[in-house]
Amino acid sequence: MGILLLVKLILENRKREVLTNKFILERYLNDFSYKRRKTISKKEEMYRDCKHIFKVKGTYWSEKSYLKKVFEKK
């Protein structure tokens, strides 16, 4: 039983980066309107059900413009 649980944890940990990128891409492509706003410094800190304001080097960026900069850079 313990081995099965360990295998499932390893598999889910491998999929974590894919799920995070899927979430960020979905936020970039779709325009959601949420009432709550949260100030964060990097995209890994994003939450569900709230809009984000990114603080990068003392400058504030909206979620849409920051993600646009991230995805167009690649």
N, C-alpha and C. Protein backbone atom coordinates (compact mmCIF):
# COMPACT_ATOMS: atom_id res chain seq x y z
N MET A 1 0.83 -1.20 0.00
CA MET A 1 0.00 0.00 0.00
C MET A 1 0.86 1.26 0.00
N GLY A 2 1.94 1.24 0.80
CA GLY A 2 2.82 2.39 0.89
C GLY A 2 3.56 2.65 -0.42
N ILE A 3 3.91 1.57 -1.12
CA ILE A 3 4.62 1.72 -2.40
C ILE A 3 3.70 2.35 -3.44
N LEU A 4 2.44 1.94 -3.47
CA LEU A 4 1.47 2.52 -4.40
C LEU A 4 1.28 4.01 -4.14
N LEU A 5 1.21 4.37 -2.88
CA LEU A 5 1.07 5.78 -2.53
C LEU A 5 2.30 6.57 -2.96
N LEU A 6 3.48 6.02 -2.77
CA LEU A 6 4.71 6.68 -3.17
C LEU A 6 4.77 6.86 -4.69
N VAL A 7 4.35 5.85 -5.43
CA VAL A 7 4.33 5.93 -6.89
C VAL A 7 3.36 7.02 -7.35
N LYS A 8 2.17 7.08 -6.73
CA LYS A 8 1.18 8.11 -7.09
C LYS A 8 1.72 9.51 -6.79
N LEU A 9 2.41 9.68 -5.66
CA LEU A 9 2.99 10.98 -5.31
C LEU A 9 4.05 11.40 -6.32
N ILE A 10 4.87 10.49 -6.75
CA ILE A 10 5.91 10.80 -7.74
C ILE A 10 5.28 11.19 -9.07
N LEU A 11 4.25 10.47 -9.50
CA LEU A 11 3.58 10.79 -10.77
C LEU A 11 2.89 12.15 -10.71
N GLU A 12 2.23 12.46 -9.60
CA GLU A 12 1.56 13.75 -9.47
C GLU A 12 2.57 14.89 -9.41
N ASN A 13 3.70 14.66 -8.78
CA ASN A 13 4.74 15.68 -8.71
C ASN A 13 5.30 15.99 -10.09
N ARG A 14 5.40 15.01 -10.95
CA ARG A 14 5.87 15.22 -12.32
C ARG A 14 4.86 16.04 -13.13
N LYS A 15 3.57 15.86 -12.87
CA LYS A 15 2.53 16.58 -13.61
C LYS A 15 2.31 17.99 -13.08
N ARG A 16 2.90 18.34 -11.92
CA ARG A 16 2.65 19.63 -11.30
C ARG A 16 3.05 20.79 -12.21
N GLU A 17 4.20 20.71 -12.85
CA GLU A 17 4.66 21.79 -13.72
C GLU A 17 3.73 21.95 -14.92
N VAL A 18 3.26 20.85 -15.47
CA VAL A 18 2.34 20.90 -16.61
C VAL A 18 1.02 21.55 -16.19
N LEU A 19 0.51 21.20 -15.03
CA LEU A 19 -0.74 21.78 -14.55
C LEU A 19 -0.58 23.27 -14.26
N THR A 20 0.56 23.66 -13.71
CA THR A 20 0.80 25.07 -13.44
C THR A 20 0.86 25.87 -14.74
N ASN A 21 1.56 25.35 -15.73
CA ASN A 21 1.64 26.03 -17.02
C ASN A 21 0.28 26.10 -17.70
N LYS A 22 -0.53 25.06 -17.55
CA LYS A 22 -1.88 25.06 -18.12
C LYS A 22 -2.74 26.14 -17.46
N PHE A 23 -2.63 26.27 -16.15
CA PHE A 23 -3.38 27.30 -15.42
C PHE A 23 -2.97 28.70 -15.87
N ILE A 24 -1.67 28.93 -15.99
CA ILE A 24 -1.18 30.25 -16.39
C ILE A 24 -1.56 30.57 -17.83
N LEU A 25 -1.49 29.59 -18.73
CA LEU A 25 -1.88 29.81 -20.12
C LEU A 25 -3.38 30.10 -20.22
N GLU A 26 -4.18 29.41 -19.44
CA GLU A 26 -5.62 29.66 -19.43
C GLU A 26 -5.92 31.08 -18.95
N ARG A 27 -5.20 31.55 -17.95
CA ARG A 27 -5.40 32.91 -17.47
C ARG A 27 -4.97 33.93 -18.53
N TYR A 28 -3.96 33.59 -19.32
CA TYR A 28 -3.49 34.49 -20.38
C TYR A 28 -4.50 34.57 -21.52
N LEU A 29 -5.06 33.44 -21.92
CA LEU A 29 -5.95 33.40 -23.08
C LEU A 29 -7.36 33.92 -22.78
N ASN A 30 -7.87 33.67 -21.58
CA ASN A 30 -9.22 34.07 -21.23
C ASN A 30 -9.21 35.27 -20.30
N ASP A 31 -10.21 36.12 -20.45
CA ASP A 31 -10.31 37.31 -19.60
C ASP A 31 -11.36 37.05 -18.52
N PHE A 32 -10.91 36.72 -17.34
CA PHE A 32 -11.80 36.47 -16.21
C PHE A 32 -11.96 37.75 -15.40
N SER A 33 -13.14 37.93 -14.82
CA SER A 33 -13.33 39.10 -13.96
C SER A 33 -13.63 38.61 -12.54
N TYR A 34 -12.72 38.92 -11.64
CA TYR A 34 -12.86 38.57 -10.24
C TYR A 34 -12.81 39.84 -9.41
N LYS A 35 -13.48 39.83 -8.27
CA LYS A 35 -13.51 41.01 -7.41
C LYS A 35 -12.25 41.12 -6.56
N ARG A 36 -11.76 40.00 -6.07
CA ARG A 36 -10.57 40.02 -5.21
C ARG A 36 -9.32 40.27 -6.03
N ARG A 37 -8.41 41.05 -5.49
CA ARG A 37 -7.12 41.31 -6.13
C ARG A 37 -6.02 40.95 -5.14
N LYS A 38 -4.95 40.40 -5.67
CA LYS A 38 -3.82 40.00 -4.84
C LYS A 38 -2.54 40.49 -5.49
N THR A 39 -1.66 41.09 -4.70
CA THR A 39 -0.38 41.56 -5.19
C THR A 39 0.66 40.47 -4.96
N ILE A 40 1.32 40.06 -6.04
CA ILE A 40 2.33 39.00 -5.96
C ILE A 40 3.57 39.42 -6.74
N SER A 41 4.64 38.66 -6.57
CA SER A 41 5.88 39.04 -7.26
C SER A 41 6.29 38.07 -8.37
N LYS A 42 5.74 36.84 -8.36
CA LYS A 42 6.08 35.90 -9.42
C LYS A 42 4.86 35.05 -9.77
N LYS A 43 4.87 34.50 -10.97
CA LYS A 43 3.68 33.80 -11.48
C LYS A 43 3.38 32.51 -10.73
N GLU A 44 4.36 31.94 -10.03
CA GLU A 44 4.13 30.71 -9.27
C GLU A 44 3.25 30.94 -8.04
N GLU A 45 3.04 32.20 -7.66
CA GLU A 45 2.23 32.53 -6.49
C GLU A 45 0.76 32.80 -6.84
N MET A 46 0.36 32.56 -8.08
CA MET A 46 -1.01 32.86 -8.51
C MET A 46 -2.02 31.95 -7.82
N TYR A 47 -3.21 32.51 -7.56
CA TYR A 47 -4.31 31.81 -6.91
C TYR A 47 -5.49 31.71 -7.85
N ARG A 48 -6.39 30.79 -7.53
CA ARG A 48 -7.66 30.72 -8.24
C ARG A 48 -8.59 31.79 -7.69
N ASP A 49 -9.56 32.19 -8.49
CA ASP A 49 -10.65 33.07 -8.09
C ASP A 49 -10.21 34.44 -7.59
N CYS A 50 -9.11 34.97 -8.11
CA CYS A 50 -8.75 36.36 -7.82
C CYS A 50 -7.85 36.88 -8.94
N LYS A 51 -7.91 38.19 -9.17
CA LYS A 51 -7.04 38.83 -10.14
C LYS A 51 -5.73 39.16 -9.46
N HIS A 52 -4.67 39.23 -10.23
CA HIS A 52 -3.35 39.45 -9.66
C HIS A 52 -2.74 40.73 -10.19
N ILE A 53 -1.99 41.37 -9.32
CA ILE A 53 -1.19 42.52 -9.69
C ILE A 53 0.25 42.13 -9.37
N PHE A 54 1.11 42.18 -10.36
CA PHE A 54 2.49 41.76 -10.19
C PHE A 54 3.36 42.96 -9.85
N LYS A 55 4.19 42.82 -8.82
CA LYS A 55 5.13 43.86 -8.45
C LYS A 55 6.52 43.37 -8.84
N VAL A 56 7.09 44.00 -9.89
CA VAL A 56 8.40 43.62 -10.41
C VAL A 56 9.30 44.84 -10.38
N LYS A 57 10.34 44.77 -9.55
CA LYS A 57 11.32 45.85 -9.42
C LYS A 57 10.66 47.20 -9.14
N GLY A 58 9.68 47.22 -8.27
CA GLY A 58 9.02 48.46 -7.87
C GLY A 58 7.94 48.93 -8.82
N THR A 59 7.73 48.22 -9.93
CA THR A 59 6.70 48.58 -10.91
C THR A 59 5.54 47.59 -10.82
N TYR A 60 4.33 48.11 -10.85
CA TYR A 60 3.15 47.25 -10.79
C TYR A 60 2.64 46.96 -12.19
N TRP A 61 2.36 45.69 -12.46
CA TRP A 61 1.85 45.23 -13.75
C TRP A 61 0.51 44.55 -13.53
N SER A 62 -0.42 44.74 -14.46
CA SER A 62 -1.67 43.99 -14.40
C SER A 62 -1.39 42.55 -14.83
N GLU A 63 -2.30 41.67 -14.47
CA GLU A 63 -2.13 40.25 -14.80
C GLU A 63 -2.03 40.05 -16.30
N LYS A 64 -2.89 40.71 -17.04
CA LYS A 64 -2.93 40.54 -18.49
C LYS A 64 -1.63 41.01 -19.15
N SER A 65 -1.14 42.18 -18.76
CA SER A 65 0.07 42.70 -19.40
C SER A 65 1.31 41.90 -18.99
N TYR A 66 1.37 41.44 -17.75
CA TYR A 66 2.52 40.65 -17.30
C TYR A 66 2.57 39.31 -18.03
N LEU A 67 1.44 38.63 -18.12
CA LEU A 67 1.41 37.34 -18.81
C LEU A 67 1.65 37.49 -20.31
N LYS A 68 1.21 38.61 -20.88
CA LYS A 68 1.48 38.88 -22.28
C LYS A 68 2.98 39.02 -22.50
N LYS A 69 3.65 39.72 -21.59
CA LYS A 69 5.10 39.89 -21.69
C LYS A 69 5.81 38.53 -21.54
N VAL A 70 5.33 37.70 -20.64
CA VAL A 70 5.95 36.39 -20.41
C VAL A 70 5.79 35.47 -21.62
N PHE A 71 4.58 35.41 -22.18
CA PHE A 71 4.34 34.46 -23.28
C PHE A 71 4.87 34.96 -24.62
N GLU A 72 4.95 36.25 -24.83
CA GLU A 72 5.49 36.75 -26.10
C GLU A 72 7.00 36.74 -26.10
N LYS A 73 7.61 36.63 -24.93
CA LYS A 73 9.06 36.58 -24.84
C LYS A 73 9.59 35.24 -25.32
N LYS A 74 8.83 34.18 -25.13
CA LYS A 74 9.29 32.82 -25.46
C LYS A 74 9.22 32.52 -26.93
